Amino acid sequence: MTTISAAILLLLVIDPVGNVPFFVSALRQVPPGRHTRVVVRELLIAYGVMVAFLFCGAPLLRVLNISEPALTIAGGIVLFLIALRMVFPSADRADEIEGEPFVVPLAIPYVAGPSLLATELLLMSREPERWGSWLLALTAAWLATALVLTLAARFSSRISSRALIAAERLMGMILVAIATEMFLSGVAKYLLVDRPTG
């Protein structure tokens, strides 16, 4: 996987367009003048969590003795479920937030959610020597997410909900194809692994 394709994958998993209505909803009780500041703060916290997990995830896999094919298959299944939620969106994340949100739910799990962390684990476990490429891809995906969410917080009243739903469904369809390819790759690797015979 190239750095560009990894960045696109991470961006699809973060799903900034799909997160726009949830960010807007969470900021309802925050003074309009603080919207941009709060969003930037939460995005920086999310980036710190994402980078920390990028480098700490691989040792965790070794401790848990999880093989690469198993992680690839699991990652494909998780991404497929995420894609289905994007294609058929629901309001299950639109919880009412009292006061100004801090860390939860904007930074975690809206941006640095379990699906993104699992994808980071997958990338690092397959080619840990390319950590620089994965960090660059993660940073690029985060910057794109930051741009979308910051602009959304500033111009929330001008954003059409139909346009958001259409964009999220399109990204979901792309993610379905990526998830399927990931699952088939994991199955193929598992079948090619030499397993001891009883």
Protein backbone atom coordinates (compact mmCIF):
# COMPACT_ATOMS: atom_id res chain seq x y z
CA MET A 1 0.00 0.00 0.00
CA THR A 2 1.36 3.41 -0.97
CA THR A 3 1.44 6.42 1.33
CA ILE A 4 -1.29 8.12 -0.70
CA SER A 5 -3.59 5.09 -0.62
CA ALA A 6 -2.99 4.73 3.13
CA ALA A 7 -3.89 8.40 3.63
CA ILE A 8 -7.10 7.93 1.63
CA LEU A 9 -7.97 4.82 3.63
CA LEU A 10 -7.43 6.59 6.95
CA LEU A 11 -9.45 9.57 5.75
CA LEU A 12 -12.34 7.31 4.75
CA VAL A 13 -12.25 5.60 8.14
CA ILE A 14 -12.22 8.91 10.04
CA ASP A 15 -15.14 10.02 7.83
CA PRO A 16 -14.96 13.79 8.47
CA VAL A 17 -17.99 14.52 6.29
CA GLY A 18 -20.09 12.05 8.25
CA ASN A 19 -18.87 13.60 11.50
CA VAL A 20 -19.93 17.13 10.54
CA PRO A 21 -23.51 16.90 11.87
CA PHE A 22 -22.29 15.34 15.12
CA PHE A 23 -19.71 18.08 15.63
CA VAL A 24 -22.33 20.73 14.93
CA SER A 25 -24.73 19.07 17.38
CA ALA A 26 -22.06 18.82 20.10
CA LEU A 27 -21.23 22.52 19.74
CA ARG A 28 -24.80 23.79 20.14
CA GLN A 29 -24.29 24.91 23.73
CA VAL A 30 -20.88 26.45 23.00
CA PRO A 31 -20.76 30.20 22.19
CA PRO A 32 -20.30 30.66 18.40
CA GLY A 33 -17.10 32.62 18.97
CA ARG A 34 -15.46 29.55 20.56
CA HIS A 35 -16.51 26.96 17.98
CA THR A 36 -13.30 27.10 15.94
CA ARG A 37 -11.10 27.13 19.05
CA VAL A 38 -12.86 24.11 20.54
CA VAL A 39 -12.70 22.15 17.28
CA VAL A 40 -8.97 22.87 16.84
CA ARG A 41 -8.27 21.85 20.45
CA GLU A 42 -10.16 18.57 20.05
CA LEU A 43 -8.46 17.84 16.74
CA LEU A 44 -5.02 18.32 18.33
CA ILE A 45 -5.93 15.96 21.17
CA ALA A 46 -7.15 13.39 18.64
CA TYR A 47 -3.92 13.71 16.65
CA GLY A 48 -1.86 13.08 19.79
CA VAL A 49 -3.85 9.93 20.53
CA MET A 50 -3.58 8.73 16.93
CA VAL A 51 0.21 9.18 16.77
CA ALA A 52 0.72 7.53 20.17
CA PHE A 53 -1.33 4.50 19.11
CA LEU A 54 0.51 4.28 15.78
CA PHE A 55 3.75 3.52 17.61
CA CYS A 56 2.37 1.63 20.62
CA GLY A 57 -0.05 -0.60 18.73
CA ALA A 58 2.47 -3.04 17.22
CA PRO A 59 4.02 -4.03 20.59
CA LEU A 60 0.49 -4.62 21.85
CA LEU A 61 -0.13 -7.07 19.00
CA ARG A 62 3.02 -9.01 19.86
CA VAL A 63 1.96 -9.26 23.50
CA LEU A 64 -1.49 -10.54 22.46
CA ASN A 65 0.08 -12.95 19.92
CA ILE A 66 -2.23 -11.82 17.09
CA SER A 67 -1.10 -12.86 13.60
CA GLU A 68 -1.11 -10.56 10.58
CA PRO A 69 -3.72 -12.59 8.62
CA ALA A 70 -6.07 -12.53 11.62
CA LEU A 71 -5.66 -8.79 11.98
CA THR A 72 -6.16 -8.22 8.25
CA ILE A 73 -9.38 -10.28 8.23
CA ALA A 74 -10.65 -8.57 11.38
CA GLY A 75 -9.77 -5.17 9.92
CA GLY A 76 -11.69 -5.96 6.75
CA ILE A 77 -14.76 -6.97 8.75
CA VAL A 78 -14.60 -3.85 10.93
CA LEU A 79 -14.16 -1.57 7.92
CA PHE A 80 -17.07 -3.29 6.17
CA LEU A 81 -19.34 -2.64 9.16
CA ILE A 82 -18.19 0.99 9.22
CA ALA A 83 -18.92 1.28 5.50
CA LEU A 84 -22.43 -0.10 5.98
CA ARG A 85 -23.09 2.54 8.63
CA MET A 86 -21.90 5.20 6.19
CA VAL A 87 -24.08 3.91 3.35
CA PHE A 88 -27.08 3.60 5.68
CA PRO A 89 -26.48 6.46 8.15
CA SER A 90 -28.30 6.71 11.46
CA ALA A 91 -28.39 9.19 14.31
CA ASP A 92 -26.91 6.85 16.92
CA ARG A 93 -23.95 9.17 17.58
CA ALA A 94 -25.97 12.34 17.98
CA ASP A 95 -25.94 12.37 21.77
CA GLU A 96 -26.85 15.57 23.58
CA ILE A 97 -23.72 17.18 25.02
CA GLU A 98 -24.03 19.37 28.09
CA GLY A 99 -21.69 22.35 28.16
CA GLU A 100 -18.42 22.53 26.24
CA PRO A 101 -17.15 19.12 25.07
CA PHE A 102 -13.64 18.11 26.13
CA VAL A 103 -11.88 15.03 24.70
CA VAL A 104 -15.15 13.03 24.63
CA PRO A 105 -16.91 12.73 22.22
CA LEU A 106 -15.23 15.00 19.65
CA ALA A 107 -11.58 13.91 19.91
CA ILE A 108 -12.52 10.38 21.01
CA PRO A 109 -14.35 8.57 19.45
CA TYR A 110 -15.55 10.86 16.63
CA VAL A 111 -12.05 11.42 15.19
CA ALA A 112 -9.71 8.96 16.95
CA GLY A 113 -12.22 6.13 17.14
CA PRO A 114 -11.64 2.39 17.55
CA SER A 115 -11.97 1.79 13.81
CA LEU A 116 -9.16 4.23 13.03
CA LEU A 117 -6.93 2.79 15.75
CA ALA A 118 -7.53 -0.71 14.37
CA THR A 119 -6.55 0.50 10.89
CA GLU A 120 -3.34 1.99 12.29
CA LEU A 121 -2.56 -1.35 13.92
CA LEU A 122 -3.07 -3.06 10.60
CA LEU A 123 -0.72 -0.76 8.72
CA MET A 124 2.06 -0.93 11.31
CA SER A 125 1.83 -4.69 11.77
CA ARG A 126 2.17 -5.38 8.04
CA GLU A 127 5.13 -3.08 7.36
CA PRO A 128 6.54 -1.63 10.60
CA GLU A 129 9.69 -0.45 8.84
CA ARG A 130 7.55 2.07 6.90
CA TRP A 131 6.50 3.92 10.03
CA GLY A 132 7.51 7.22 8.44
CA SER A 133 5.12 6.64 5.54
CA TRP A 134 2.28 5.71 7.88
CA LEU A 135 2.92 8.78 10.03
CA LEU A 136 2.86 10.95 6.90
CA ALA A 137 -0.37 9.31 5.72
CA LEU A 138 -1.95 9.75 9.15
CA THR A 139 -0.92 13.41 9.26
CA ALA A 140 -2.32 14.04 5.77
CA ALA A 141 -5.64 12.39 6.67
CA TRP A 142 -5.78 14.39 9.90
CA LEU A 143 -5.09 17.68 8.09
CA ALA A 144 -7.89 16.99 5.60
CA THR A 145 -10.20 16.11 8.49
CA ALA A 146 -9.20 19.26 10.35
CA LEU A 147 -9.96 21.39 7.29
CA VAL A 148 -13.42 19.85 6.80
CA LEU A 149 -14.46 20.03 10.46
CA THR A 150 -13.07 23.53 11.06
CA LEU A 151 -14.91 24.91 8.02
CA ALA A 152 -18.05 23.01 9.03
CA ALA A 153 -17.96 24.54 12.50
CA ARG A 154 -17.62 28.00 10.98
CA PHE A 155 -20.25 27.64 8.26
CA SER A 156 -22.58 25.05 9.79
CA SER A 157 -25.72 27.02 8.95
CA ARG A 158 -24.93 26.93 5.21
CA ILE A 159 -24.31 23.18 4.91
CA SER A 160 -27.06 21.09 3.33
CA SER A 161 -27.85 17.87 5.17
CA ARG A 162 -28.65 16.16 1.87
CA ALA A 163 -25.22 17.00 0.50
CA LEU A 164 -23.58 15.57 3.63
CA ILE A 165 -25.56 12.34 3.38
CA ALA A 166 -24.75 11.95 -0.33
CA ALA A 167 -21.02 12.50 0.25
CA GLU A 168 -20.95 10.08 3.18
CA ARG A 169 -22.70 7.36 1.17
CA LEU A 170 -20.25 7.78 -1.69
CA MET A 171 -17.31 7.43 0.69
CA GLY A 172 -19.02 4.41 2.24
CA MET A 173 -19.25 2.64 -1.12
CA ILE A 174 -15.52 3.19 -1.69
CA LEU A 175 -14.77 1.85 1.78
CA VAL A 176 -16.86 -1.27 1.08
CA ALA A 177 -14.54 -2.12 -1.81
CA ILE A 178 -11.43 -1.49 0.31
CA ALA A 179 -12.80 -3.62 3.16
CA THR A 180 -13.62 -6.49 0.79
CA GLU A 181 -10.14 -6.40 -0.70
CA MET A 182 -8.61 -6.37 2.79
CA PHE A 183 -10.71 -9.36 3.90
CA LEU A 184 -9.80 -11.41 0.79
CA SER A 185 -6.12 -10.54 1.25
CA GLY A 186 -6.24 -11.75 4.85
CA VAL A 187 -7.95 -15.01 3.87
CA ALA A 188 -5.39 -15.61 1.10
CA LYS A 189 -2.48 -15.06 3.50
CA TYR A 190 -4.04 -17.37 6.07
CA LEU A 191 -4.44 -20.16 3.50
CA LEU A 192 -0.83 -19.79 2.38
CA VAL A 193 0.61 -19.97 5.90
CA ASP A 194 2.25 -23.30 6.71
CA ARG A 195 0.34 -24.69 9.68
CA PRO A 196 1.53 -27.70 11.67
CA THR A 197 -0.37 -30.88 10.91
CA GLY A 198 -1.70 -33.01 13.70
